[in-house]
Amino acid sequence: MCLIPSRAEAREWFPGARHDPFGRRIRFLAGEPTVRFVRPDVALAYRDYSTVGHKTPNGQEMPERKTHSTWFLMKDGGKWRISSQVISDDNAGAASPSK
């Protein structure tokens, strides 16, 4: 179910939204993934990320954002599947956009 059916309606609903599918203003760096096997059919994987170039709605550049992603993987029927994913942010609450 989509609460906002079109891009035009999304812009009207949230005037600060901009369509930028390739992040031309944002630089995204991903670290090397690390995988640890709990058993031959169960693994934990994680990766660190760094993003710069985010801006507040009023155009102020925000500090570098560091995030981490952790996946719980299970092998089912010979294929690896993501059972769970958690994304955490080191900068949570550090830079609140000005209103």
Protein backbone atom coordinates (compact mmCIF):
# COMPACT_ATOMS: atom_id res chain seq x y z
CA MET A 1 0.00 0.00 0.00
CA CYS A 2 1.36 3.41 -0.96
CA LEU A 3 0.13 6.39 1.03
CA ILE A 4 1.55 8.92 -1.45
CA PRO A 5 0.81 7.58 -4.95
CA SER A 6 2.96 9.90 -7.07
CA ARG A 7 6.26 11.81 -6.95
CA ALA A 8 4.39 15.09 -7.55
CA GLU A 9 2.14 14.42 -4.55
CA ALA A 10 5.21 13.53 -2.47
CA ARG A 11 6.80 16.90 -3.34
CA GLU A 12 3.57 18.67 -2.40
CA TRP A 13 3.38 16.72 0.86
CA PHE A 14 7.08 17.34 1.68
CA PRO A 15 8.31 20.45 -0.16
CA GLY A 16 11.94 19.91 0.95
CA ALA A 17 12.17 16.55 -0.84
CA ARG A 18 14.33 16.40 -3.93
CA HIS A 19 14.64 13.53 -6.37
CA ASP A 20 18.33 12.62 -6.53
CA PRO A 21 18.49 8.86 -7.22
CA PHE A 22 22.26 8.75 -7.69
CA GLY A 23 23.26 10.93 -4.75
CA ARG A 24 25.15 13.40 -6.89
CA ARG A 25 25.70 15.67 -3.90
CA ILE A 26 26.41 12.85 -1.45
CA ARG A 27 29.59 10.76 -1.22
CA PHE A 28 29.13 7.27 0.18
CA LEU A 29 32.04 5.04 1.20
CA ALA A 30 31.63 1.43 2.31
CA GLY A 31 34.24 -0.48 4.28
CA GLU A 32 35.15 -4.09 3.67
CA PRO A 33 32.47 -6.53 4.90
CA THR A 34 33.33 -8.91 7.71
CA VAL A 35 31.66 -12.34 7.93
CA ARG A 36 31.77 -14.65 10.95
CA PHE A 37 30.29 -18.13 10.80
CA VAL A 38 28.33 -19.26 13.84
CA ARG A 39 27.78 -22.66 12.15
CA PRO A 40 28.23 -23.77 8.54
CA ASP A 41 24.66 -22.64 7.76
CA VAL A 42 24.49 -19.50 9.98
CA ALA A 43 26.62 -16.36 9.71
CA LEU A 44 26.82 -12.79 10.98
CA ALA A 45 28.09 -10.12 8.60
CA TYR A 46 28.75 -6.45 9.21
CA ARG A 47 30.06 -3.45 7.36
CA ASP A 48 30.86 0.16 8.26
CA TYR A 49 29.78 3.08 6.09
CA SER A 50 30.65 6.77 5.90
CA THR A 51 28.51 9.38 4.16
CA VAL A 52 29.31 13.06 3.58
CA GLY A 53 27.32 15.74 1.79
CA HIS A 54 23.95 15.46 3.57
CA LYS A 55 22.29 18.84 3.96
CA THR A 56 19.50 20.08 6.17
CA PRO A 57 16.34 21.41 4.47
CA ASN A 58 17.76 24.94 4.80
CA GLY A 59 20.96 23.94 2.94
CA GLN A 60 23.37 23.66 5.88
CA GLU A 61 25.89 20.83 5.40
CA MET A 62 25.70 18.17 8.10
CA PRO A 63 28.75 16.44 9.61
CA GLU A 64 30.03 13.13 8.30
CA ARG A 65 27.59 10.33 9.05
CA LYS A 66 28.98 6.99 10.19
CA THR A 67 26.70 3.99 10.07
CA HIS A 68 27.01 0.25 10.56
CA SER A 69 24.97 -2.54 9.05
CA THR A 70 24.73 -6.04 10.54
CA TRP A 71 23.09 -9.02 8.83
CA PHE A 72 22.02 -12.35 10.31
CA LEU A 73 22.30 -14.86 7.44
CA MET A 74 20.96 -18.41 7.19
CA LYS A 75 21.52 -21.00 4.50
CA ASP A 76 18.18 -22.46 3.45
CA GLY A 77 17.85 -24.97 0.63
CA GLY A 78 21.43 -24.28 -0.46
CA LYS A 79 20.90 -20.49 -0.73
CA TRP A 80 22.00 -17.79 1.69
CA ARG A 81 19.11 -15.65 2.90
CA ILE A 82 19.04 -12.53 5.06
CA SER A 83 17.04 -13.39 8.15
CA SER A 84 17.53 -10.00 9.81
CA GLN A 85 19.32 -6.69 9.22
CA VAL A 86 20.09 -3.89 11.67
CA ILE A 87 21.40 -0.47 10.63
CA SER A 88 22.81 1.74 13.36
CA ASP A 89 24.01 5.31 13.23
CA ASP A 90 26.97 6.66 15.26
CA ASN A 91 25.71 10.22 14.87
CA ALA A 92 22.16 9.64 16.10
CA GLY A 93 20.95 12.92 17.56
CA ALA A 94 24.34 14.62 17.08
CA ALA A 95 23.15 17.08 14.46
CA SER A 96 19.51 18.04 14.48
CA PRO A 97 18.35 19.99 11.44
CA SER A 98 17.51 23.63 12.26
CA LYS A 99 13.93 24.63 11.80
